[in-house]
Amino acid sequence: MSKHAEGKTVTVRLVKGMRGCQSRHRLSVRALGLNKLNDVRTLPDNPSVRGLINTVHYLVQVEE
């Protein structure tokens, strides 16, 4: 098992459109499972997901 607690999740909402942003950032948003504006996903709270969120912090809103 991992050292993170089971059941910890983070909710992410896409609050800004991806028009005009870098292609790497578009791929990061897609990797988070967000497609359209105001899409919401509940993801496990782990370092890889946090890294994706930090990459596109200006496009998403985190609701813990």
PDB file of N, CA and C in Angstrom:
ATOM      1  N   MET A   1       0.834  -1.189   0.000  1.00  0.00           N
ATOM      2  CA  MET A   1       0.000   0.000   0.000  1.00  0.00           C
ATOM      3  C   MET A   1       0.874   1.247   0.000  1.00  0.00           C
ATOM      4  N   SER A   2       0.313   2.332  -0.447  1.00  0.00           N
ATOM      5  CA  SER A   2       1.061   3.582  -0.451  1.00  0.00           C
ATOM      6  C   SER A   2       1.020   4.213   0.933  1.00  0.00           C
ATOM      7  N   LYS A   3       1.888   5.208   1.126  1.00  0.00           N
ATOM      8  CA  LYS A   3       1.927   5.853   2.432  1.00  0.00           C
ATOM      9  C   LYS A   3       0.834   6.895   2.611  1.00  0.00           C
ATOM     10  N   HIS A   4       0.068   7.188   1.521  1.00  0.00           N
ATOM     11  CA  HIS A   4      -1.038   8.138   1.624  1.00  0.00           C
ATOM     12  C   HIS A   4      -2.272   7.427   2.172  1.00  0.00           C
ATOM     13  N   ALA A   5      -3.097   8.170   2.856  1.00  0.00           N
ATOM     14  CA  ALA A   5      -4.294   7.597   3.467  1.00  0.00           C
ATOM     15  C   ALA A   5      -5.283   7.178   2.383  1.00  0.00           C
ATOM     16  N   GLU A   6      -5.919   6.041   2.608  1.00  0.00           N
ATOM     17  CA  GLU A   6      -6.933   5.565   1.677  1.00  0.00           C
ATOM     18  C   GLU A   6      -8.131   6.509   1.706  1.00  0.00           C
ATOM     19  N   GLY A   7      -8.712   6.738   0.544  1.00  0.00           N
ATOM     20  CA  GLY A   7      -9.922   7.530   0.485  1.00  0.00           C
ATOM     21  C   GLY A   7      -9.716   9.025   0.369  1.00  0.00           C
ATOM     22  N   LYS A   8      -8.477   9.516   0.422  1.00  0.00           N
ATOM     23  CA  LYS A   8      -8.263  10.948   0.259  1.00  0.00           C
ATOM     24  C   LYS A   8      -8.478  11.307  -1.206  1.00  0.00           C
ATOM     25  N   THR A   9      -9.316  12.303  -1.432  1.00  0.00           N
ATOM     26  CA  THR A   9      -9.603  12.719  -2.800  1.00  0.00           C
ATOM     27  C   THR A   9      -9.521  14.232  -2.913  1.00  0.00           C
ATOM     28  N   VAL A  10      -9.432  14.677  -4.136  1.00  0.00           N
ATOM     29  CA  VAL A  10      -9.433  16.095  -4.427  1.00  0.00           C
ATOM     30  C   VAL A  10     -10.388  16.315  -5.605  1.00  0.00           C
ATOM     31  N   THR A  11     -11.205  17.354  -5.521  1.00  0.00           N
ATOM     32  CA  THR A  11     -12.167  17.667  -6.568  1.00  0.00           C
ATOM     33  C   THR A  11     -11.631  18.850  -7.375  1.00  0.00           C
ATOM     34  N   VAL A  12     -11.613  18.684  -8.695  1.00  0.00           N
ATOM     35  CA  VAL A  12     -11.044  19.685  -9.588  1.00  0.00           C
ATOM     36  C   VAL A  12     -12.111  20.122 -10.582  1.00  0.00           C
ATOM     37  N   ARG A  13     -12.226  21.442 -10.788  1.00  0.00           N
ATOM     38  CA  ARG A  13     -13.191  22.002 -11.743  1.00  0.00           C
ATOM     39  C   ARG A  13     -12.445  22.869 -12.755  1.00  0.00           C
ATOM     40  N   LEU A  14     -12.751  22.697 -14.039  1.00  0.00           N
ATOM     41  CA  LEU A  14     -12.172  23.532 -15.087  1.00  0.00           C
ATOM     42  C   LEU A  14     -12.958  24.831 -15.147  1.00  0.00           C
ATOM     43  N   VAL A  15     -12.313  25.956 -14.796  1.00  0.00           N
ATOM     44  CA  VAL A  15     -13.028  27.225 -14.697  1.00  0.00           C
ATOM     45  C   VAL A  15     -12.641  28.217 -15.788  1.00  0.00           C
ATOM     46  N   LYS A  16     -11.646  27.878 -16.586  1.00  0.00           N
ATOM     47  CA  LYS A  16     -11.220  28.781 -17.654  1.00  0.00           C
ATOM     48  C   LYS A  16     -10.991  27.973 -18.913  1.00  0.00           C
ATOM     49  N   GLY A  17     -11.342  28.538 -20.057  1.00  0.00           N
ATOM     50  CA  GLY A  17     -11.161  27.838 -21.322  1.00  0.00           C
ATOM     51  C   GLY A  17      -9.692  27.664 -21.671  1.00  0.00           C
ATOM     52  N   MET A  18      -9.417  26.671 -22.503  1.00  0.00           N
ATOM     53  CA  MET A  18      -8.035  26.354 -22.849  1.00  0.00           C
ATOM     54  C   MET A  18      -7.565  27.041 -24.122  1.00  0.00           C
ATOM     55  N   ARG A  19      -8.372  27.909 -24.669  1.00  0.00           N
ATOM     56  CA  ARG A  19      -7.995  28.590 -25.895  1.00  0.00           C
ATOM     57  C   ARG A  19      -6.809  29.516 -25.638  1.00  0.00           C
ATOM     58  N   GLY A  20      -5.761  29.340 -26.402  1.00  0.00           N
ATOM     59  CA  GLY A  20      -4.587  30.188 -26.281  1.00  0.00           C
ATOM     60  C   GLY A  20      -3.550  29.690 -25.299  1.00  0.00           C
ATOM     61  N   CYS A  21      -3.790  28.568 -24.636  1.00  0.00           N
ATOM     62  CA  CYS A  21      -2.789  28.074 -23.684  1.00  0.00           C
ATOM     63  C   CYS A  21      -1.843  27.098 -24.396  1.00  0.00           C
ATOM     64  N   GLN A  22      -0.776  26.762 -23.719  1.00  0.00           N
ATOM     65  CA  GLN A  22       0.232  25.868 -24.300  1.00  0.00           C
ATOM     66  C   GLN A  22      -0.346  24.478 -24.527  1.00  0.00           C
ATOM     67  N   SER A  23       0.179  23.790 -25.532  1.00  0.00           N
ATOM     68  CA  SER A  23      -0.314  22.444 -25.837  1.00  0.00           C
ATOM     69  C   SER A  23      -0.020  21.479 -24.693  1.00  0.00           C
ATOM     70  N   ARG A  24       1.104  21.669 -23.983  1.00  0.00           N
ATOM     71  CA  ARG A  24       1.420  20.827 -22.820  1.00  0.00           C
ATOM     72  C   ARG A  24       0.359  20.973 -21.747  1.00  0.00           C
ATOM     73  N   HIS A  25      -0.134  22.193 -21.578  1.00  0.00           N
ATOM     74  CA  HIS A  25      -1.144  22.433 -20.557  1.00  0.00           C
ATOM     75  C   HIS A  25      -2.479  21.827 -20.968  1.00  0.00           C
ATOM     76  N   ARG A  26      -2.784  21.839 -22.257  1.00  0.00           N
ATOM     77  CA  ARG A  26      -4.003  21.176 -22.733  1.00  0.00           C
ATOM     78  C   ARG A  26      -3.958  19.691 -22.420  1.00  0.00           C
ATOM     79  N   LEU A  27      -2.786  19.086 -22.635  1.00  0.00           N
ATOM     80  CA  LEU A  27      -2.629  17.665 -22.350  1.00  0.00           C
ATOM     81  C   LEU A  27      -2.765  17.383 -20.860  1.00  0.00           C
ATOM     82  N   SER A  28      -2.286  18.293 -20.023  1.00  0.00           N
ATOM     83  CA  SER A  28      -2.414  18.115 -18.577  1.00  0.00           C
ATOM     84  C   SER A  28      -3.877  18.178 -18.147  1.00  0.00           C
ATOM     85  N   VAL A  29      -4.638  19.090 -18.739  1.00  0.00           N
ATOM     86  CA  VAL A  29      -6.063  19.194 -18.413  1.00  0.00           C
ATOM     87  C   VAL A  29      -6.786  17.926 -18.852  1.00  0.00           C
ATOM     88  N   ARG A  30      -6.450  17.414 -20.029  1.00  0.00           N
ATOM     89  CA  ARG A  30      -7.058  16.172 -20.510  1.00  0.00           C
ATOM     90  C   ARG A  30      -6.689  14.998 -19.611  1.00  0.00           C
ATOM     91  N   ALA A  31      -5.448  14.983 -19.110  1.00  0.00           N
ATOM     92  CA  ALA A  31      -5.009  13.905 -18.219  1.00  0.00           C
ATOM     93  C   ALA A  31      -5.776  13.933 -16.905  1.00  0.00           C
ATOM     94  N   LEU A  32      -6.224  15.104 -16.500  1.00  0.00           N
ATOM     95  CA  LEU A  32      -7.049  15.218 -15.290  1.00  0.00           C
ATOM     96  C   LEU A  32      -8.484  14.765 -15.553  1.00  0.00           C
ATOM     97  N   GLY A  33      -8.835  14.527 -16.821  1.00  0.00           N
ATOM     98  CA  GLY A  33     -10.180  14.064 -17.158  1.00  0.00           C
ATOM     99  C   GLY A  33     -11.164  15.178 -17.396  1.00  0.00           C
ATOM    100  N   LEU A  34     -10.666  16.395 -17.610  1.00  0.00           N
ATOM    101  CA  LEU A  34     -11.538  17.546 -17.829  1.00  0.00           C
ATOM    102  C   LEU A  34     -11.602  17.847 -19.321  1.00  0.00           C
ATOM    103  N   ASN A  35     -12.813  17.993 -19.846  1.00  0.00           N
ATOM    104  CA  ASN A  35     -12.984  18.236 -21.275  1.00  0.00           C
ATOM    105  C   ASN A  35     -13.570  19.607 -21.575  1.00  0.00           C
ATOM    106  N   LYS A  36     -14.690  19.908 -20.925  1.00  0.00           N
ATOM    107  CA  LYS A  36     -15.390  21.152 -21.198  1.00  0.00           C
ATOM    108  C   LYS A  36     -15.323  22.074 -19.987  1.00  0.00           C
ATOM    109  N   LEU A  37     -15.682  23.313 -20.200  1.00  0.00           N
ATOM    110  CA  LEU A  37     -15.739  24.291 -19.133  1.00  0.00           C
ATOM    111  C   LEU A  37     -16.720  23.815 -18.063  1.00  0.00           C
ATOM    112  N   ASN A  38     -16.368  23.985 -16.811  1.00  0.00           N
ATOM    113  CA  ASN A  38     -17.155  23.593 -15.637  1.00  0.00           C
ATOM    114  C   ASN A  38     -17.253  22.081 -15.439  1.00  0.00           C
ATOM    115  N   ASP A  39     -16.437  21.296 -16.129  1.00  0.00           N
ATOM    116  CA  ASP A  39     -16.358  19.870 -15.832  1.00  0.00           C
ATOM    117  C   ASP A  39     -15.756  19.691 -14.446  1.00  0.00           C
ATOM    118  N   VAL A  40     -16.246  18.696 -13.715  1.00  0.00           N
ATOM    119  CA  VAL A  40     -15.762  18.413 -12.361  1.00  0.00           C
ATOM    120  C   VAL A  40     -15.351  16.953 -12.295  1.00  0.00           C
ATOM    121  N   ARG A  41     -14.187  16.695 -11.706  1.00  0.00           N
ATOM    122  CA  ARG A  41     -13.708  15.328 -11.505  1.00  0.00           C
ATOM    123  C   ARG A  41     -13.210  15.189 -10.074  1.00  0.00           C
ATOM    124  N   THR A  42     -13.473  14.046  -9.490  1.00  0.00           N
ATOM    125  CA  THR A  42     -12.941  13.713  -8.179  1.00  0.00           C
ATOM    126  C   THR A  42     -11.823  12.711  -8.393  1.00  0.00           C
ATOM    127  N   LEU A  43     -10.620  13.089  -8.001  1.00  0.00           N
ATOM    128  CA  LEU A  43      -9.422  12.304  -8.268  1.00  0.00           C
ATOM    129  C   LEU A  43      -8.734  11.947  -6.963  1.00  0.00           C
ATOM    130  N   PRO A  44      -7.934  10.886  -6.970  1.00  0.00           N
ATOM    131  CA  PRO A  44      -7.170  10.558  -5.759  1.00  0.00           C
ATOM    132  C   PRO A  44      -6.132  11.638  -5.481  1.00  0.00           C
ATOM    133  N   ASP A  45      -5.921  11.923  -4.230  1.00  0.00           N
ATOM    134  CA  ASP A  45      -4.967  12.971  -3.843  1.00  0.00           C
ATOM    135  C   ASP A  45      -3.582  12.341  -3.713  1.00  0.00           C
ATOM    136  N   ASN A  46      -2.830  12.373  -4.813  1.00  0.00           N
ATOM    137  CA  ASN A  46      -1.473  11.832  -4.811  1.00  0.00           C
ATOM    138  C   ASN A  46      -0.537  12.812  -5.517  1.00  0.00           C
ATOM    139  N   PRO A  47       0.758  12.618  -5.426  1.00  0.00           N
ATOM    140  CA  PRO A  47       1.706  13.584  -5.991  1.00  0.00           C
ATOM    141  C   PRO A  47       1.586  13.781  -7.499  1.00  0.00           C
ATOM    142  N   SER A  48       1.223  12.745  -8.243  1.00  0.00           N
ATOM    143  CA  SER A  48       1.115  12.906  -9.689  1.00  0.00           C
ATOM    144  C   SER A  48      -0.062  13.800 -10.067  1.00  0.00           C
ATOM    145  N   VAL A  49      -1.181  13.632  -9.382  1.00  0.00           N
ATOM    146  CA  VAL A  49      -2.345  14.480  -9.638  1.00  0.00           C
ATOM    147  C   VAL A  49      -2.056  15.904  -9.182  1.00  0.00           C
ATOM    148  N   ARG A  50      -1.410  16.061  -8.032  1.00  0.00           N
ATOM    149  CA  ARG A  50      -1.057  17.403  -7.554  1.00  0.00           C
ATOM    150  C   ARG A  50      -0.109  18.103  -8.534  1.00  0.00           C
ATOM    151  N   GLY A  51       0.802  17.358  -9.151  1.00  0.00           N
ATOM    152  CA  GLY A  51       1.707  17.941 -10.138  1.00  0.00           C
ATOM    153  C   GLY A  51       0.959  18.439 -11.364  1.00  0.00           C
ATOM    154  N   LEU A  52      -0.028  17.669 -11.825  1.00  0.00           N
ATOM    155  CA  LEU A  52      -0.839  18.115 -12.959  1.00  0.00           C
ATOM    156  C   LEU A  52      -1.634  19.359 -12.608  1.00  0.00           C
ATOM    157  N   ILE A  53      -2.174  19.386 -11.397  1.00  0.00           N
ATOM    158  CA  ILE A  53      -2.948  20.555 -10.956  1.00  0.00           C
ATOM    159  C   ILE A  53      -2.045  21.782 -10.875  1.00  0.00           C
ATOM    160  N   ASN A  54      -0.830  21.625 -10.350  1.00  0.00           N
ATOM    161  CA  ASN A  54       0.091  22.757 -10.250  1.00  0.00           C
ATOM    162  C   ASN A  54       0.492  23.275 -11.621  1.00  0.00           C
ATOM    163  N   THR A  55       0.556  22.395 -12.613  1.00  0.00           N
ATOM    164  CA  THR A  55       0.914  22.817 -13.965  1.00  0.00           C
ATOM    165  C   THR A  55      -0.150  23.745 -14.544  1.00  0.00           C
ATOM    166  N   VAL A  56      -1.412  23.453 -14.291  1.00  0.00           N
ATOM    167  CA  VAL A  56      -2.506  24.227 -14.883  1.00  0.00           C
ATOM    168  C   VAL A  56      -3.323  24.949 -13.805  1.00  0.00           C
ATOM    169  N   HIS A  57      -2.657  25.440 -12.787  1.00  0.00           N
ATOM    170  CA  HIS A  57      -3.338  26.090 -11.650  1.00  0.00           C
ATOM    171  C   HIS A  57      -4.189  27.271 -12.073  1.00  0.00           C
ATOM    172  N   TYR A  58      -3.846  27.917 -13.176  1.00  0.00           N
ATOM    173  CA  TYR A  58      -4.589  29.102 -13.621  1.00  0.00           C
ATOM    174  C   TYR A  58      -5.843  28.735 -14.420  1.00  0.00           C
ATOM    175  N   LEU A  59      -6.036  27.450 -14.724  1.00  0.00           N
ATOM    176  CA  LEU A  59      -7.215  27.003 -15.464  1.00  0.00           C
ATOM    177  C   LEU A  59      -8.227  26.251 -14.597  1.00  0.00           C
ATOM    178  N   VAL A  60      -7.792  25.777 -13.448  1.00  0.00           N
ATOM    179  CA  VAL A  60      -8.650  24.921 -12.629  1.00  0.00           C
ATOM    180  C   VAL A  60      -8.859  25.517 -11.246  1.00  0.00           C
ATOM    181  N   GLN A  61      -9.903  25.024 -10.584  1.00  0.00           N
ATOM    182  CA  GLN A  61     -10.184  25.386  -9.199  1.00  0.00           C
ATOM    183  C   GLN A  61     -10.227  24.101  -8.400  1.00  0.00           C
ATOM    184  N   VAL A  62      -9.530  24.070  -7.277  1.00  0.00           N
ATOM    185  CA  VAL A  62      -9.459  22.873  -6.441  1.00  0.00           C
ATOM    186  C   VAL A  62     -10.435  23.017  -5.289  1.00  0.00           C
ATOM    187  N   GLU A  63     -11.307  22.015  -5.145  1.00  0.00           N
ATOM    188  CA  GLU A  63     -12.248  21.978  -4.041  1.00  0.00           C
ATOM    189  C   GLU A  63     -11.938  20.725  -3.244  1.00  0.00           C
ATOM    190  N   GLU A  64     -11.370  20.893  -2.072  1.00  0.00           N
ATOM    191  CA  GLU A  64     -10.920  19.723  -1.294  1.00  0.00           C
ATOM    192  C   GLU A  64     -11.994  19.173  -0.394  1.00  0.00           C
TER     193      GLU A  64
END
